[in-house]
Amino acid sequence: MEKTSGSNEIKRVVAAHDLSGFGRCALTVVIPALSAMGYQVVPMPTALLSTHTGGFKGFSFLDLSDEIKKFGAHWQSLGLSFDAIYTGFLGSAEQCGILSDFIDAFGGDGTSVLVDPVLGDNGSAYATVGEALIEEMKKLVCKADIITPNITEAHFLLGMRCGRRTESEIKDMLKRLSAMGPEKVVITGIRNGREQTENAFYDRVSGTSGIYGVDTVHAGYPGTGDLFASVLLGRMLCGDALDVAVRFASEYVREVISDTLNAGTQPRNGVLIEHHLKELIP
C-alpha cells in the first residue's frame, strides 16, 4: 500500500459526501475546511445535486452508488492508503453497505473513521431520507471510531421519539450510541432553553464526557454540521483530545454563523466559510 507516513507527508482524508452545486454544504464545505487545516482531501461523491435540499424545490439528484464502488476498486488497485475515512450525506440505503465494505478494505490501524449520520434535523428526516436509509445507517455507525449525529439523528439511531432531553438523558444517549461501536460520540445542536446551543461528547476509552455550550445564534444555515464535523476531525487528526476538539469546533462554527447572519446572507446560501478559512490554517 502507498503510505502517507513521514514527518513531511500530508495526511489523506477520504470524504464520502454529496456534491451540491449551489449552497455551501457537504463537499463544498468539507474540502476547503480540511484543506486549510493541512490535509489532502480525497473526494468520493455519493450524490450529485444542483442545490442542497434545504430551501430549494426542483433540485436535480443523481445517485452515484455505482461510481463510488468503482472509486474504491480503482484506489485499491493503486495501493492507496488513507489516514481518515469521513462519511456524510449518502444518496441511498445501499451506499451504507458500500461504505461499510470500503471501511473494511481501507480501514484498520492508523486510519480514523468518522461517520456523520446525515439523516435529518429539527425532529424530521430530510427529503431524501427514508426508513431504509435510517436502518442501514445504524449498521454503518458500528464501523466508526467517531460519530457526530445532531440531536434529531441521535434519536433516529436509537429508535427514540424526538423531544427535549435532560442532561442525564443526553449522557445516557451518548453511552448507548457508543455501545453500538464508536469509541467517541458527539451529539450536536442540543437546545437547552437557556439561550445556548450545546454539543455533548463521550469518549468510551478515556472516560471523558461533557457538554460544551455556546451562545445561540438565532439563524439556521445548511452545512454547519458538515463544517463542525470537518473541523472536529481535523483537530483530532493533529492530536487534540475529544474535549479540546469539541470546544474548538463549537466556537469556530458559532463565529462563522454569527458573521454570516450579520452579513445578511440568505439562509439557503450557507455560511460564509470563505471569510474564516484563514483561522483554520495551522
Protein backbone atom coordinates (compact mmCIF):
# COMPACT_ATOMS: atom_id res chain seq x y z
CA MET A 1 0.00 0.00 0.00
CA GLU A 2 1.21 3.52 -0.73
CA LYS A 3 1.70 5.05 2.70
CA THR A 4 1.47 8.62 3.90
CA SER A 5 3.84 8.26 6.83
CA GLY A 6 6.77 10.60 7.39
CA SER A 7 7.07 13.98 9.04
CA ASN A 8 6.78 15.85 5.74
CA GLU A 9 3.83 13.89 4.37
CA ILE A 10 0.35 15.36 4.21
CA LYS A 11 -2.33 13.19 5.75
CA ARG A 12 -5.07 11.98 3.41
CA VAL A 13 -8.78 12.07 4.25
CA VAL A 14 -11.37 10.31 2.10
CA ALA A 15 -14.56 12.40 2.16
CA ALA A 16 -17.65 10.44 1.10
CA HIS A 17 -20.23 13.23 0.88
CA ASP A 18 -22.59 14.63 -1.74
CA LEU A 19 -21.60 17.39 -4.13
CA SER A 20 -24.26 20.10 -4.25
CA GLY A 21 -23.72 22.79 -6.87
CA PHE A 22 -25.30 25.77 -5.11
CA GLY A 23 -25.47 26.33 -1.38
CA ARG A 24 -22.43 25.72 0.77
CA CYS A 25 -22.60 22.25 2.29
CA ALA A 26 -21.09 18.78 2.10
CA LEU A 27 -18.02 18.65 -0.18
CA THR A 28 -18.04 22.38 -0.89
CA VAL A 29 -17.52 22.89 2.86
CA VAL A 30 -15.54 19.77 3.72
CA ILE A 31 -12.83 20.24 1.08
CA PRO A 32 -11.87 23.86 1.87
CA ALA A 33 -12.05 23.38 5.66
CA LEU A 34 -9.85 20.29 5.82
CA SER A 35 -7.52 21.62 3.12
CA ALA A 36 -6.98 24.81 5.13
CA MET A 37 -6.14 22.63 8.14
CA GLY A 38 -3.38 20.98 6.13
CA TYR A 39 -4.94 17.74 4.89
CA GLN A 40 -5.27 16.27 1.41
CA VAL A 41 -8.98 15.70 0.84
CA VAL A 42 -9.81 12.82 -1.50
CA PRO A 43 -13.46 13.30 -2.54
CA MET A 44 -15.80 10.35 -3.05
CA PRO A 45 -19.05 12.00 -4.24
CA THR A 46 -22.04 9.97 -3.08
CA ALA A 47 -24.62 12.01 -4.99
CA LEU A 48 -24.68 14.96 -7.36
CA LEU A 49 -27.28 17.69 -6.78
CA SER A 50 -27.90 21.03 -8.44
CA THR A 51 -28.51 22.55 -4.96
CA HIS A 52 -28.77 21.19 -1.46
CA THR A 53 -32.20 20.03 -0.33
CA GLY A 54 -32.95 22.76 2.22
CA GLY A 55 -34.97 25.70 0.94
CA PHE A 56 -34.93 24.72 -2.74
CA LYS A 57 -37.51 22.96 -4.89
CA GLY A 58 -36.98 21.11 -8.16
CA PHE A 59 -33.33 20.25 -7.47
CA SER A 60 -31.65 17.58 -9.55
CA PHE A 61 -30.44 14.45 -7.78
CA LEU A 62 -28.12 11.76 -9.14
CA ASP A 63 -27.31 8.70 -7.01
CA LEU A 64 -23.66 7.76 -7.55
CA SER A 65 -23.73 4.32 -5.92
CA ASP A 66 -22.25 2.54 -8.92
CA GLU A 67 -19.47 5.12 -9.25
CA ILE A 68 -18.32 5.01 -5.63
CA LYS A 69 -17.86 1.25 -5.97
CA LYS A 70 -15.53 1.98 -8.91
CA PHE A 71 -13.68 4.63 -6.89
CA GLY A 72 -12.89 2.10 -4.19
CA ALA A 73 -11.81 -0.58 -6.65
CA HIS A 74 -9.52 1.81 -8.52
CA TRP A 75 -7.93 3.17 -5.35
CA GLN A 76 -7.31 -0.38 -4.17
CA SER A 77 -5.60 -1.20 -7.47
CA LEU A 78 -3.33 1.81 -6.91
CA GLY A 79 -2.40 0.60 -3.44
CA LEU A 80 -3.56 3.81 -1.77
CA SER A 81 -4.00 4.17 1.97
CA PHE A 82 -5.73 6.87 3.99
CA ASP A 83 -5.31 8.43 7.41
CA ALA A 84 -9.05 9.00 7.80
CA ILE A 85 -12.33 7.95 6.22
CA TYR A 86 -15.10 10.51 6.70
CA THR A 87 -18.67 9.86 5.56
CA GLY A 88 -21.58 12.29 5.43
CA PHE A 89 -24.70 12.50 3.25
CA LEU A 90 -25.38 9.23 1.47
CA GLY A 91 -27.54 9.01 -1.64
CA SER A 92 -29.26 5.72 -0.81
CA ALA A 93 -29.56 2.96 1.75
CA GLU A 94 -27.36 0.80 -0.48
CA GLN A 95 -24.47 3.21 -0.01
CA CYS A 96 -24.23 2.35 3.69
CA GLY A 97 -23.21 -1.17 2.67
CA ILE A 98 -20.82 0.12 0.02
CA LEU A 99 -19.13 2.42 2.55
CA SER A 100 -19.04 -0.38 5.11
CA ASP A 101 -17.12 -2.52 2.61
CA PHE A 102 -14.85 0.45 1.85
CA ILE A 103 -14.04 0.81 5.55
CA ASP A 104 -13.24 -2.91 5.73
CA ALA A 105 -10.87 -2.55 2.76
CA PHE A 106 -9.12 0.70 3.72
CA GLY A 107 -9.60 0.97 7.49
CA GLY A 108 -7.56 -0.61 10.25
CA ASP A 109 -4.72 0.53 12.45
CA GLY A 110 -3.79 4.16 11.86
CA THR A 111 -6.98 5.03 9.96
CA SER A 112 -9.63 7.05 11.78
CA VAL A 113 -13.24 6.55 10.69
CA LEU A 114 -15.73 9.36 11.28
CA VAL A 115 -19.36 8.76 10.32
CA ASP A 116 -21.59 11.83 10.29
CA PRO A 117 -25.01 10.15 10.00
CA VAL A 118 -26.80 12.77 7.90
CA LEU A 119 -30.47 11.86 8.31
CA GLY A 120 -32.48 14.90 9.40
CA ASP A 121 -32.82 17.91 11.68
CA ASN A 122 -35.38 19.72 13.82
CA GLY A 123 -37.20 16.46 14.54
CA SER A 124 -37.75 15.45 10.91
CA ALA A 125 -35.95 13.36 8.30
CA TYR A 126 -34.53 15.08 5.22
CA ALA A 127 -36.47 14.81 1.95
CA THR A 128 -34.19 12.11 0.52
CA VAL A 129 -34.08 10.01 3.71
CA GLY A 130 -36.40 7.05 4.22
CA GLU A 131 -36.69 4.36 6.87
CA ALA A 132 -34.43 2.00 4.91
CA LEU A 133 -31.56 4.51 4.99
CA ILE A 134 -32.01 5.07 8.71
CA GLU A 135 -31.88 1.32 9.39
CA GLU A 136 -28.77 0.86 7.24
CA MET A 137 -27.10 3.87 8.87
CA LYS A 138 -27.46 2.12 12.23
CA LYS A 139 -25.21 -0.61 10.81
CA LEU A 140 -22.67 1.81 9.34
CA VAL A 141 -22.11 3.67 12.61
CA CYS A 142 -20.95 0.36 14.11
CA LYS A 143 -17.84 0.64 11.89
CA ALA A 144 -16.95 4.15 13.07
CA ASP A 145 -14.40 5.37 15.58
CA ILE A 146 -16.24 8.69 15.89
CA ILE A 147 -19.84 9.67 15.10
CA THR A 148 -21.32 13.17 15.08
CA PRO A 149 -25.14 12.97 14.90
CA ASN A 150 -27.20 16.04 15.66
CA ILE A 151 -29.85 15.56 18.35
CA THR A 152 -32.51 14.53 15.80
CA GLU A 153 -30.21 11.96 14.22
CA ALA A 154 -29.24 10.61 17.64
CA HIS A 155 -32.92 9.91 18.32
CA PHE A 156 -33.28 8.18 14.94
CA LEU A 157 -30.24 5.96 15.53
CA LEU A 158 -31.57 4.90 18.93
CA GLY A 159 -35.15 4.40 17.71
CA MET A 160 -36.42 7.11 20.06
CA ARG A 161 -39.16 9.68 19.60
CA CYS A 162 -37.67 13.16 19.15
CA GLY A 163 -38.09 15.54 22.06
CA ARG A 164 -36.27 17.70 24.58
CA ARG A 165 -33.95 15.70 26.83
CA THR A 166 -32.46 16.30 30.26
CA GLU A 167 -28.70 16.34 30.75
CA SER A 168 -28.91 12.89 32.31
CA GLU A 169 -30.84 11.56 29.31
CA ILE A 170 -28.31 13.06 26.89
CA LYS A 171 -25.46 11.35 28.74
CA ASP A 172 -27.34 8.05 28.55
CA MET A 173 -27.86 8.55 24.80
CA LEU A 174 -24.12 9.13 24.34
CA LYS A 175 -23.28 5.86 26.08
CA ARG A 176 -25.95 3.93 24.18
CA LEU A 177 -24.62 5.25 20.87
CA SER A 178 -21.06 4.35 21.85
CA ALA A 179 -22.23 0.84 22.74
CA MET A 180 -23.18 0.44 19.06
CA GLY A 181 -19.46 0.55 18.17
CA PRO A 182 -17.86 4.01 18.05
CA GLU A 183 -15.41 4.86 20.82
CA LYS A 184 -16.19 8.56 20.56
CA VAL A 185 -19.61 10.18 20.18
CA VAL A 186 -20.58 13.83 19.79
CA ILE A 187 -24.26 14.88 19.75
CA THR A 188 -24.60 18.35 18.25
CA GLY A 189 -27.23 21.07 18.16
CA ILE A 190 -28.85 20.49 21.56
CA ARG A 191 -31.08 23.40 22.59
CA ASN A 192 -31.31 23.67 26.37
CA GLY A 193 -33.73 26.58 26.68
CA ARG A 194 -31.07 28.82 28.24
CA GLU A 195 -30.05 30.69 25.10
CA GLN A 196 -27.26 28.22 24.46
CA THR A 197 -26.67 25.53 21.87
CA GLU A 198 -24.81 22.56 23.27
CA ASN A 199 -22.62 19.80 21.90
CA ALA A 200 -22.34 16.75 24.15
CA PHE A 201 -19.42 14.35 23.91
CA TYR A 202 -18.27 10.99 25.27
CA ASP A 203 -15.02 9.06 24.89
CA ARG A 204 -15.51 5.46 26.00
CA VAL A 205 -11.77 4.71 26.20
CA SER A 206 -10.65 7.68 28.29
CA GLY A 207 -13.95 8.02 30.12
CA THR A 208 -14.06 11.71 29.22
CA SER A 209 -17.52 13.20 28.81
CA GLY A 210 -19.15 16.58 28.99
CA ILE A 211 -21.37 19.18 27.39
CA TYR A 212 -19.97 22.31 25.80
CA GLY A 213 -22.34 25.19 25.13
CA VAL A 214 -22.06 28.36 23.09
CA ASP A 215 -24.44 31.31 22.91
CA THR A 216 -27.16 30.54 20.40
CA VAL A 217 -27.17 32.48 17.14
CA HIS A 218 -30.80 32.58 16.07
CA ALA A 219 -30.31 31.56 12.48
CA GLY A 220 -30.16 28.25 10.64
CA TYR A 221 -27.84 27.51 7.73
CA PRO A 222 -27.18 24.30 5.80
CA GLY A 223 -23.70 22.87 6.00
CA THR A 224 -22.96 23.85 9.60
CA GLY A 225 -22.98 20.20 10.68
CA ASP A 226 -20.55 19.38 7.87
CA LEU A 227 -18.33 22.24 8.99
CA PHE A 228 -18.40 21.16 12.63
CA ALA A 229 -17.54 17.53 11.85
CA SER A 230 -14.77 18.57 9.45
CA VAL A 231 -13.11 20.89 11.95
CA LEU A 232 -13.53 18.32 14.73
CA LEU A 233 -11.86 15.63 12.60
CA GLY A 234 -9.06 17.97 11.55
CA ARG A 235 -8.27 18.89 15.14
CA MET A 236 -8.30 15.26 16.26
CA LEU A 237 -6.01 14.20 13.43
CA CYS A 238 -3.46 16.75 14.64
CA GLY A 239 -3.59 15.29 18.14
CA ASP A 240 -6.32 17.11 20.06
CA ALA A 241 -8.27 15.18 22.69
CA LEU A 242 -12.02 14.94 22.05
CA ASP A 243 -13.00 17.61 24.56
CA VAL A 244 -10.46 20.08 23.15
CA ALA A 245 -11.57 19.41 19.58
CA VAL A 246 -15.25 19.84 20.50
CA ARG A 247 -14.53 23.17 22.17
CA PHE A 248 -12.58 24.49 19.18
CA ALA A 249 -15.14 23.30 16.60
CA SER A 250 -18.06 24.69 18.64
CA GLU A 251 -16.54 28.16 18.98
CA TYR A 252 -15.41 28.22 15.35
CA VAL A 253 -18.80 27.27 13.91
CA ARG A 254 -20.58 29.76 16.14
CA GLU A 255 -18.29 32.54 14.93
CA VAL A 256 -18.91 31.62 11.28
CA ILE A 257 -22.69 31.52 11.78
CA SER A 258 -22.67 34.87 13.58
CA ASP A 259 -20.64 36.50 10.81
CA THR A 260 -22.97 35.05 8.17
CA LEU A 261 -26.05 36.37 9.97
CA ASN A 262 -24.51 39.83 10.38
CA ALA A 263 -23.73 39.90 6.65
CA GLY A 264 -27.42 39.39 5.84
CA THR A 265 -26.76 36.18 3.88
CA GLN A 266 -29.86 34.21 2.86
CA PRO A 267 -30.01 31.03 4.95
CA ARG A 268 -30.17 28.69 1.97
CA ASN A 269 -26.88 30.14 0.63
CA GLY A 270 -24.98 28.57 3.52
CA VAL A 271 -22.36 30.07 5.79
CA LEU A 272 -19.57 32.41 4.72
CA ILE A 273 -16.77 29.92 5.24
CA GLU A 274 -14.59 31.86 2.79
CA HIS A 275 -14.14 34.63 5.36
CA HIS A 276 -12.89 32.22 8.02
CA LEU A 277 -10.65 29.67 6.33
CA LYS A 278 -7.52 31.50 7.44
CA GLU A 279 -8.44 30.78 11.05
CA LEU A 280 -8.08 27.06 10.37
CA ILE A 281 -4.54 27.25 8.98
CA PRO A 282 -2.07 25.67 11.45
